[in-house]
């Protein structure tokens, strides 16, 4: 049995409502647009990295590939898998 977090039923309902509000932030148009803009910004940055002599070409191409994979989150069945791969791929980049 999980530990009791709240003293009263009213406090339980407050915690539940706070969790629902946090969950609702990740389920909507604003979150999708933020993700798209983030991927597009990374694509632009990586394209600029290709032209700059300071950055390696491998790093720039890795960023481009990761960004394109991240844009696949719109696919119905495997979209979250692509977004997860984008997150994991962003760690070394």
PDB file of N, CA and C in Angstrom:
ATOM      1  N   UNK A   1       0.847  -1.170   0.000  1.00  0.00           N
ATOM      2  CA  UNK A   1       0.000   0.000   0.000  1.00  0.00           C
ATOM      3  C   UNK A   1       0.900   1.243   0.000  1.00  0.00           C
ATOM      4  N   UNK A   2       0.597   2.226  -0.869  1.00  0.00           N
ATOM      5  CA  UNK A   2       1.422   3.435  -0.908  1.00  0.00           C
ATOM      6  C   UNK A   2       1.229   4.270   0.353  1.00  0.00           C
ATOM      7  N   UNK A   3       2.222   5.042   0.706  1.00  0.00           N
ATOM      8  CA  UNK A   3       2.092   5.877   1.902  1.00  0.00           C
ATOM      9  C   UNK A   3       1.042   6.965   1.708  1.00  0.00           C
ATOM     10  N   UNK A   4       0.420   7.336   2.789  1.00  0.00           N
ATOM     11  CA  UNK A   4      -0.597   8.384   2.755  1.00  0.00           C
ATOM     12  C   UNK A   4       0.099   9.733   2.737  1.00  0.00           C
ATOM     13  N   UNK A   5      -0.204  10.557   1.734  1.00  0.00           N
ATOM     14  CA  UNK A   5       0.454  11.855   1.601  1.00  0.00           C
ATOM     15  C   UNK A   5      -0.310  12.959   2.326  1.00  0.00           C
ATOM     16  N   UNK A   6      -1.607  12.855   2.341  1.00  0.00           N
ATOM     17  CA  UNK A   6      -2.408  13.941   2.913  1.00  0.00           C
ATOM     18  C   UNK A   6      -3.107  13.467   4.184  1.00  0.00           C
ATOM     19  N   UNK A   7      -3.409  14.431   5.019  1.00  0.00           N
ATOM     20  CA  UNK A   7      -4.075  14.134   6.290  1.00  0.00           C
ATOM     21  C   UNK A   7      -5.580  13.944   6.119  1.00  0.00           C
ATOM     22  N   UNK A   8      -6.164  14.696   5.185  1.00  0.00           N
ATOM     23  CA  UNK A   8      -7.616  14.655   5.026  1.00  0.00           C
ATOM     24  C   UNK A   8      -7.979  14.336   3.575  1.00  0.00           C
ATOM     25  N   UNK A   9      -9.247  14.057   3.385  1.00  0.00           N
ATOM     26  CA  UNK A   9      -9.738  13.789   2.033  1.00  0.00           C
ATOM     27  C   UNK A   9      -9.664  15.052   1.166  1.00  0.00           C
ATOM     28  N   UNK A  10      -9.859  16.211   1.771  1.00  0.00           N
ATOM     29  CA  UNK A  10      -9.771  17.463   1.017  1.00  0.00           C
ATOM     30  C   UNK A  10      -8.345  17.691   0.510  1.00  0.00           C
ATOM     31  N   UNK A  11      -7.369  17.359   1.342  1.00  0.00           N
ATOM     32  CA  UNK A  11      -5.977  17.499   0.909  1.00  0.00           C
ATOM     33  C   UNK A  11      -5.659  16.504  -0.204  1.00  0.00           C
ATOM     34  N   UNK A  12      -6.219  15.295  -0.105  1.00  0.00           N
ATOM     35  CA  UNK A  12      -6.059  14.318  -1.189  1.00  0.00           C
ATOM     36  C   UNK A  12      -6.579  14.878  -2.503  1.00  0.00           C
ATOM     37  N   UNK A  13      -7.737  15.510  -2.467  1.00  0.00           N
ATOM     38  CA  UNK A  13      -8.326  16.073  -3.680  1.00  0.00           C
ATOM     39  C   UNK A  13      -7.479  17.226  -4.228  1.00  0.00           C
ATOM     40  N   UNK A  14      -6.874  18.006  -3.344  1.00  0.00           N
ATOM     41  CA  UNK A  14      -5.994  19.087  -3.808  1.00  0.00           C
ATOM     42  C   UNK A  14      -4.778  18.535  -4.534  1.00  0.00           C
ATOM     43  N   UNK A  15      -4.174  17.482  -3.964  1.00  0.00           N
ATOM     44  CA  UNK A  15      -3.020  16.853  -4.622  1.00  0.00           C
ATOM     45  C   UNK A  15      -3.413  16.260  -5.975  1.00  0.00           C
ATOM     46  N   UNK A  16      -4.572  15.627  -6.022  1.00  0.00           N
ATOM     47  CA  UNK A  16      -5.052  15.054  -7.276  1.00  0.00           C
ATOM     48  C   UNK A  16      -5.293  16.143  -8.315  1.00  0.00           C
ATOM     49  N   UNK A  17      -5.884  17.250  -7.923  1.00  0.00           N
ATOM     50  CA  UNK A  17      -6.142  18.359  -8.847  1.00  0.00           C
ATOM     51  C   UNK A  17      -4.837  18.972  -9.348  1.00  0.00           C
ATOM     52  N   UNK A  18      -3.858  19.112  -8.457  1.00  0.00           N
ATOM     53  CA  UNK A  18      -2.566  19.666  -8.874  1.00  0.00           C
ATOM     54  C   UNK A  18      -1.891  18.752  -9.890  1.00  0.00           C
ATOM     55  N   UNK A  19      -1.977  17.442  -9.689  1.00  0.00           N
ATOM     56  CA  UNK A  19      -1.409  16.496 -10.645  1.00  0.00           C
ATOM     57  C   UNK A  19      -2.101  16.547 -11.989  1.00  0.00           C
ATOM     58  N   UNK A  20      -3.417  16.700 -11.993  1.00  0.00           N
ATOM     59  CA  UNK A  20      -4.164  16.803 -13.246  1.00  0.00           C
ATOM     60  C   UNK A  20      -3.806  18.071 -14.011  1.00  0.00           C
ATOM     61  N   UNK A  21      -3.584  19.164 -13.298  1.00  0.00           N
ATOM     62  CA  UNK A  21      -3.186  20.404 -13.963  1.00  0.00           C
ATOM     63  C   UNK A  21      -1.814  20.240 -14.617  1.00  0.00           C
ATOM     64  N   UNK A  22      -0.871  19.626 -13.909  1.00  0.00           N
ATOM     65  CA  UNK A  22       0.456  19.397 -14.490  1.00  0.00           C
ATOM     66  C   UNK A  22       0.373  18.494 -15.715  1.00  0.00           C
ATOM     67  N   UNK A  23      -0.462  17.463 -15.657  1.00  0.00           N
ATOM     68  CA  UNK A  23      -0.612  16.558 -16.788  1.00  0.00           C
ATOM     69  C   UNK A  23      -1.236  17.261 -17.978  1.00  0.00           C
ATOM     70  N   UNK A  24      -2.132  18.186 -17.734  1.00  0.00           N
ATOM     71  CA  UNK A  24      -2.804  18.882 -18.829  1.00  0.00           C
ATOM     72  C   UNK A  24      -1.854  19.781 -19.622  1.00  0.00           C
ATOM     73  N   UNK A  25      -0.753  20.202 -18.995  1.00  0.00           N
ATOM     74  CA  UNK A  25       0.216  21.029 -19.711  1.00  0.00           C
ATOM     75  C   UNK A  25       0.879  20.262 -20.851  1.00  0.00           C
ATOM     76  N   UNK A  26       0.967  18.943 -20.745  1.00  0.00           N
ATOM     77  CA  UNK A  26       1.642  18.130 -21.752  1.00  0.00           C
ATOM     78  C   UNK A  26       0.675  17.530 -22.753  1.00  0.00           C
ATOM     79  N   UNK A  27      -0.501  18.062 -22.857  1.00  0.00           N
ATOM     80  CA  UNK A  27      -1.512  17.457 -23.704  1.00  0.00           C
ATOM     81  C   UNK A  27      -2.276  18.543 -24.445  1.00  0.00           C
ATOM     82  N   UNK A  28      -1.643  19.178 -25.411  1.00  0.00           N
ATOM     83  CA  UNK A  28      -2.364  20.215 -26.114  1.00  0.00           C
ATOM     84  C   UNK A  28      -1.553  20.830 -27.240  1.00  0.00           C
ATOM     85  N   UNK A  29      -2.176  21.800 -27.877  1.00  0.00           N
ATOM     86  CA  UNK A  29      -1.580  22.449 -29.029  1.00  0.00           C
ATOM     87  C   UNK A  29      -0.319  23.217 -28.655  1.00  0.00           C
ATOM     88  N   UNK A  30      -0.321  23.878 -27.523  1.00  0.00           N
ATOM     89  CA  UNK A  30       0.846  24.664 -27.123  1.00  0.00           C
ATOM     90  C   UNK A  30       2.068  23.768 -26.944  1.00  0.00           C
ATOM     91  N   UNK A  31       1.899  22.608 -26.349  1.00  0.00           N
ATOM     92  CA  UNK A  31       3.018  21.692 -26.151  1.00  0.00           C
ATOM     93  C   UNK A  31       3.525  21.172 -27.497  1.00  0.00           C
ATOM     94  N   UNK A  32       2.611  20.857 -28.396  1.00  0.00           N
ATOM     95  CA  UNK A  32       3.020  20.379 -29.724  1.00  0.00           C
ATOM     96  C   UNK A  32       3.782  21.452 -30.491  1.00  0.00           C
ATOM     97  N   UNK A  33       3.286  22.674 -30.451  1.00  0.00           N
ATOM     98  CA  UNK A  33       3.960  23.761 -31.170  1.00  0.00           C
ATOM     99  C   UNK A  33       5.324  24.061 -30.548  1.00  0.00           C
ATOM    100  N   UNK A  34       5.421  23.992 -29.240  1.00  0.00           N
ATOM    101  CA  UNK A  34       6.708  24.202 -28.581  1.00  0.00           C
ATOM    102  C   UNK A  34       7.701  23.143 -29.037  1.00  0.00           C
ATOM    103  N   UNK A  35       7.259  21.908 -29.156  1.00  0.00           N
ATOM    104  CA  UNK A  35       8.137  20.830 -29.597  1.00  0.00           C
ATOM    105  C   UNK A  35       8.571  21.036 -31.041  1.00  0.00           C
ATOM    106  N   UNK A  36       7.650  21.436 -31.909  1.00  0.00           N
ATOM    107  CA  UNK A  36       7.986  21.689 -33.312  1.00  0.00           C
ATOM    108  C   UNK A  36       8.979  22.845 -33.426  1.00  0.00           C
ATOM    109  N   UNK A  37       8.727  23.930 -32.730  1.00  0.00           N
ATOM    110  CA  UNK A  37       9.630  25.075 -32.796  1.00  0.00           C
ATOM    111  C   UNK A  37      11.016  24.735 -32.243  1.00  0.00           C
ATOM    112  N   UNK A  38      11.053  23.914 -31.210  1.00  0.00           N
ATOM    113  CA  UNK A  38      12.336  23.496 -30.652  1.00  0.00           C
ATOM    114  C   UNK A  38      13.123  22.678 -31.665  1.00  0.00           C
ATOM    115  N   UNK A  39      12.446  21.754 -32.363  1.00  0.00           N
ATOM    116  CA  UNK A  39      13.125  20.935 -33.373  1.00  0.00           C
ATOM    117  C   UNK A  39      13.588  21.790 -34.553  1.00  0.00           C
ATOM    118  N   UNK A  40      12.757  22.731 -34.973  1.00  0.00           N
ATOM    119  CA  UNK A  40      13.146  23.611 -36.079  1.00  0.00           C
ATOM    120  C   UNK A  40      14.322  24.508 -35.680  1.00  0.00           C
ATOM    121  N   UNK A  41      14.319  24.989 -34.455  1.00  0.00           N
ATOM    122  CA  UNK A  41      15.445  25.806 -33.985  1.00  0.00           C
ATOM    123  C   UNK A  41      16.729  24.990 -33.959  1.00  0.00           C
ATOM    124  N   UNK A  42      16.629  23.735 -33.544  1.00  0.00           N
ATOM    125  CA  UNK A  42      17.816  22.886 -33.539  1.00  0.00           C
ATOM    126  C   UNK A  42      18.295  22.615 -34.961  1.00  0.00           C
ATOM    127  N   UNK A  43      17.359  22.423 -35.899  1.00  0.00           N
ATOM    128  CA  UNK A  43      17.763  22.225 -37.294  1.00  0.00           C
ATOM    129  C   UNK A  43      18.500  23.450 -37.842  1.00  0.00           C
ATOM    130  N   UNK A  44      18.002  24.629 -37.540  1.00  0.00           N
ATOM    131  CA  UNK A  44      18.666  25.854 -37.989  1.00  0.00           C
ATOM    132  C   UNK A  44      20.048  25.977 -37.361  1.00  0.00           C
ATOM    133  N   UNK A  45      20.141  25.693 -36.062  1.00  0.00           N
ATOM    134  CA  UNK A  45      21.440  25.766 -35.390  1.00  0.00           C
ATOM    135  C   UNK A  45      22.435  24.783 -35.990  1.00  0.00           C
ATOM    136  N   UNK A  46      21.968  23.591 -36.290  1.00  0.00           N
ATOM    137  CA  UNK A  46      22.873  22.584 -36.855  1.00  0.00           C
ATOM    138  C   UNK A  46      23.277  22.937 -38.279  1.00  0.00           C
ATOM    139  N   UNK A  47      22.378  23.530 -39.047  1.00  0.00           N
ATOM    140  CA  UNK A  47      22.734  23.983 -40.395  1.00  0.00           C
ATOM    141  C   UNK A  47      23.801  25.073 -40.317  1.00  0.00           C
ATOM    142  N   UNK A  48      23.686  25.946 -39.337  1.00  0.00           N
ATOM    143  CA  UNK A  48      24.710  26.970 -39.144  1.00  0.00           C
ATOM    144  C   UNK A  48      26.021  26.356 -38.652  1.00  0.00           C
ATOM    145  N   UNK A  49      25.927  25.305 -37.865  1.00  0.00           N
ATOM    146  CA  UNK A  49      27.133  24.622 -37.398  1.00  0.00           C
ATOM    147  C   UNK A  49      27.905  23.996 -38.550  1.00  0.00           C
ATOM    148  N   UNK A  50      27.183  23.531 -39.581  1.00  0.00           N
ATOM    149  CA  UNK A  50      27.849  22.951 -40.747  1.00  0.00           C
ATOM    150  C   UNK A  50      28.742  23.972 -41.454  1.00  0.00           C
ATOM    151  N   UNK A  51      28.336  25.221 -41.420  1.00  0.00           N
ATOM    152  CA  UNK A  51      29.081  26.276 -42.116  1.00  0.00           C
ATOM    153  C   UNK A  51      30.204  26.857 -41.267  1.00  0.00           C
ATOM    154  N   UNK A  52      30.138  26.678 -39.967  1.00  0.00           N
ATOM    155  CA  UNK A  52      31.132  27.278 -39.070  1.00  0.00           C
ATOM    156  C   UNK A  52      32.343  26.354 -38.938  1.00  0.00           C
ATOM    157  N   UNK A  53      33.535  26.909 -38.995  1.00  0.00           N
ATOM    158  CA  UNK A  53      34.733  26.070 -38.868  1.00  0.00           C
ATOM    159  C   UNK A  53      35.013  25.621 -37.431  1.00  0.00           C
ATOM    160  N   UNK A  54      34.343  26.214 -36.477  1.00  0.00           N
ATOM    161  CA  UNK A  54      34.593  25.895 -35.068  1.00  0.00           C
ATOM    162  C   UNK A  54      34.036  24.524 -34.694  1.00  0.00           C
ATOM    163  N   UNK A  55      32.881  24.160 -35.263  1.00  0.00           N
ATOM    164  CA  UNK A  55      32.210  22.910 -34.911  1.00  0.00           C
ATOM    165  C   UNK A  55      32.576  21.816 -35.892  1.00  0.00           C
ATOM    166  N   UNK A  56      32.561  20.589 -35.408  1.00  0.00           N
ATOM    167  CA  UNK A  56      32.827  19.451 -36.272  1.00  0.00           C
ATOM    168  C   UNK A  56      31.608  19.104 -37.115  1.00  0.00           C
ATOM    169  N   UNK A  57      31.855  18.555 -38.265  1.00  0.00           N
ATOM    170  CA  UNK A  57      30.753  18.175 -39.163  1.00  0.00           C
ATOM    171  C   UNK A  57      29.941  17.028 -38.575  1.00  0.00           C
ATOM    172  N   UNK A  58      30.599  16.125 -37.864  1.00  0.00           N
ATOM    173  CA  UNK A  58      29.889  14.996 -37.259  1.00  0.00           C
ATOM    174  C   UNK A  58      28.873  15.486 -36.233  1.00  0.00           C
ATOM    175  N   UNK A  59      29.264  16.443 -35.436  1.00  0.00           N
ATOM    176  CA  UNK A  59      28.356  16.993 -34.424  1.00  0.00           C
ATOM    177  C   UNK A  59      27.147  17.652 -35.077  1.00  0.00           C
ATOM    178  N   UNK A  60      27.372  18.400 -36.138  1.00  0.00           N
ATOM    179  CA  UNK A  60      26.271  19.070 -36.824  1.00  0.00           C
ATOM    180  C   UNK A  60      25.329  18.061 -37.458  1.00  0.00           C
ATOM    181  N   UNK A  61      25.882  17.051 -38.122  1.00  0.00           N
ATOM    182  CA  UNK A  61      25.019  16.054 -38.761  1.00  0.00           C
ATOM    183  C   UNK A  61      24.256  15.226 -37.733  1.00  0.00           C
ATOM    184  N   UNK A  62      24.887  14.930 -36.609  1.00  0.00           N
ATOM    185  CA  UNK A  62      24.187  14.212 -35.544  1.00  0.00           C
ATOM    186  C   UNK A  62      23.004  15.031 -35.039  1.00  0.00           C
ATOM    187  N   UNK A  63      23.195  16.325 -34.871  1.00  0.00           N
ATOM    188  CA  UNK A  63      22.093  17.192 -34.451  1.00  0.00           C
ATOM    189  C   UNK A  63      20.976  17.244 -35.477  1.00  0.00           C
ATOM    190  N   UNK A  64      21.323  17.263 -36.750  1.00  0.00           N
ATOM    191  CA  UNK A  64      20.294  17.277 -37.802  1.00  0.00           C
ATOM    192  C   UNK A  64      19.497  15.984 -37.781  1.00  0.00           C
ATOM    193  N   UNK A  65      20.177  14.866 -37.663  1.00  0.00           N
ATOM    194  CA  UNK A  65      19.483  13.566 -37.637  1.00  0.00           C
ATOM    195  C   UNK A  65      18.577  13.470 -36.414  1.00  0.00           C
ATOM    196  N   UNK A  66      19.060  13.902 -35.272  1.00  0.00           N
ATOM    197  CA  UNK A  66      18.261  13.857 -34.047  1.00  0.00           C
ATOM    198  C   UNK A  66      17.026  14.746 -34.177  1.00  0.00           C
ATOM    199  N   UNK A  67      17.178  15.911 -34.779  1.00  0.00           N
ATOM    200  CA  UNK A  67      16.043  16.820 -34.942  1.00  0.00           C
ATOM    201  C   UNK A  67      14.991  16.249 -35.887  1.00  0.00           C
ATOM    202  N   UNK A  68      15.432  15.633 -36.963  1.00  0.00           N
ATOM    203  CA  UNK A  68      14.483  15.037 -37.902  1.00  0.00           C
ATOM    204  C   UNK A  68      13.742  13.878 -37.243  1.00  0.00           C
ATOM    205  N   UNK A  69      14.455  13.078 -36.451  1.00  0.00           N
ATOM    206  CA  UNK A  69      13.790  12.004 -35.713  1.00  0.00           C
ATOM    207  C   UNK A  69      12.767  12.591 -34.748  1.00  0.00           C
ATOM    208  N   UNK A  70      13.107  13.679 -34.091  1.00  0.00           N
ATOM    209  CA  UNK A  70      12.183  14.312 -33.146  1.00  0.00           C
ATOM    210  C   UNK A  70      10.938  14.859 -33.802  1.00  0.00           C
ATOM    211  N   UNK A  71      11.045  15.284 -35.059  1.00  0.00           N
ATOM    212  CA  UNK A  71       9.852  15.770 -35.763  1.00  0.00           C
ATOM    213  C   UNK A  71       8.881  14.651 -36.103  1.00  0.00           C
ATOM    214  N   UNK A  72       9.320  13.413 -35.951  1.00  0.00           N
ATOM    215  CA  UNK A  72       8.435  12.274 -36.208  1.00  0.00           C
ATOM    216  C   UNK A  72       7.435  12.005 -35.102  1.00  0.00           C
ATOM    217  N   UNK A  73       7.368  12.870 -34.100  1.00  0.00           N
ATOM    218  CA  UNK A  73       6.426  12.612 -33.008  1.00  0.00           C
ATOM    219  C   UNK A  73       4.968  12.788 -33.427  1.00  0.00           C
ATOM    220  N   UNK A  74       4.727  13.321 -34.620  1.00  0.00           N
ATOM    221  CA  UNK A  74       3.360  13.443 -35.114  1.00  0.00           C
ATOM    222  C   UNK A  74       2.808  12.121 -35.633  1.00  0.00           C
ATOM    223  N   UNK A  75       3.659  11.147 -35.876  1.00  0.00           N
ATOM    224  CA  UNK A  75       3.184   9.855 -36.374  1.00  0.00           C
ATOM    225  C   UNK A  75       2.332   9.179 -35.305  1.00  0.00           C
ATOM    226  N   UNK A  76       1.182   8.647 -35.687  1.00  0.00           N
ATOM    227  CA  UNK A  76       0.219   8.186 -34.688  1.00  0.00           C
ATOM    228  C   UNK A  76       0.699   7.070 -33.764  1.00  0.00           C
ATOM    229  N   UNK A  77       1.309   6.042 -34.278  1.00  0.00           N
ATOM    230  CA  UNK A  77       1.605   4.876 -33.444  1.00  0.00           C
ATOM    231  C   UNK A  77       2.990   4.973 -32.803  1.00  0.00           C
ATOM    232  N   UNK A  78       3.969   5.424 -33.556  1.00  0.00           N
ATOM    233  CA  UNK A  78       5.348   5.404 -33.079  1.00  0.00           C
ATOM    234  C   UNK A  78       5.883   6.793 -32.730  1.00  0.00           C
ATOM    235  N   UNK A  79       5.014   7.780 -32.663  1.00  0.00           N
ATOM    236  CA  UNK A  79       5.455   9.150 -32.418  1.00  0.00           C
ATOM    237  C   UNK A  79       6.159   9.335 -31.094  1.00  0.00           C
ATOM    238  N   UNK A  80       5.630   8.747 -30.033  1.00  0.00           N
ATOM    239  CA  UNK A  80       6.277   8.897 -28.726  1.00  0.00           C
ATOM    240  C   UNK A  80       7.611   8.175 -28.676  1.00  0.00           C
ATOM    241  N   UNK A  81       7.741   7.084 -29.432  1.00  0.00           N
ATOM    242  CA  UNK A  81       9.020   6.394 -29.514  1.00  0.00           C
ATOM    243  C   UNK A  81      10.063   7.306 -30.173  1.00  0.00           C
ATOM    244  N   UNK A  82       9.682   7.998 -31.247  1.00  0.00           N
ATOM    245  CA  UNK A  82      10.602   8.931 -31.900  1.00  0.00           C
ATOM    246  C   UNK A  82      10.986  10.072 -30.965  1.00  0.00           C
ATOM    247  N   UNK A  83      10.026  10.570 -30.207  1.00  0.00           N
ATOM    248  CA  UNK A  83      10.331  11.646 -29.268  1.00  0.00           C
ATOM    249  C   UNK A  83      11.276  11.164 -28.170  1.00  0.00           C
ATOM    250  N   UNK A  84      11.091   9.920 -27.729  1.00  0.00           N
ATOM    251  CA  UNK A  84      11.994   9.330 -26.740  1.00  0.00           C
ATOM    252  C   UNK A  84      13.395   9.171 -27.322  1.00  0.00           C
ATOM    253  N   UNK A  85      13.485   8.677 -28.565  1.00  0.00           N
ATOM    254  CA  UNK A  85      14.795   8.539 -29.208  1.00  0.00           C
ATOM    255  C   UNK A  85      15.468   9.897 -29.372  1.00  0.00           C
ATOM    256  N   UNK A  86      14.673  10.924 -29.646  1.00  0.00           N
ATOM    257  CA  UNK A  86      15.219  12.269 -29.764  1.00  0.00           C
ATOM    258  C   UNK A  86      15.809  12.720 -28.434  1.00  0.00           C
ATOM    259  N   UNK A  87      15.126  12.432 -27.354  1.00  0.00           N
ATOM    260  CA  UNK A  87      15.607  12.825 -26.029  1.00  0.00           C
ATOM    261  C   UNK A  87      16.909  12.100 -25.691  1.00  0.00           C
ATOM    262  N   UNK A  88      16.946  10.787 -25.939  1.00  0.00           N
ATOM    263  CA  UNK A  88      18.152  10.011 -25.657  1.00  0.00           C
ATOM    264  C   UNK A  88      19.298  10.457 -26.561  1.00  0.00           C
ATOM    265  N   UNK A  89      18.993  10.730 -27.839  1.00  0.00           N
ATOM    266  CA  UNK A  89      20.028  11.164 -28.766  1.00  0.00           C
ATOM    267  C   UNK A  89      20.549  12.554 -28.475  1.00  0.00           C
ATOM    268  N   UNK A  90      19.784  13.361 -27.788  1.00  0.00           N
ATOM    269  CA  UNK A  90      20.222  14.715 -27.469  1.00  0.00           C
ATOM    270  C   UNK A  90      21.238  14.760 -26.342  1.00  0.00           C
ATOM    271  N   UNK A  91      21.338  13.708 -25.570  1.00  0.00           N
ATOM    272  CA  UNK A  91      22.253  13.695 -24.422  1.00  0.00           C
ATOM    273  C   UNK A  91      23.706  13.834 -24.878  1.00  0.00           C
ATOM    274  N   UNK A  92      24.201  13.008 -25.810  1.00  0.00           N
ATOM    275  CA  UNK A  92      25.602  13.206 -26.201  1.00  0.00           C
ATOM    276  C   UNK A  92      25.805  14.428 -27.086  1.00  0.00           C
ATOM    277  N   UNK A  93      24.784  14.844 -27.792  1.00  0.00           N
ATOM    278  CA  UNK A  93      24.912  15.995 -28.678  1.00  0.00           C
ATOM    279  C   UNK A  93      25.076  17.238 -27.862  1.00  0.00           C
TER     280      UNK A  93
END
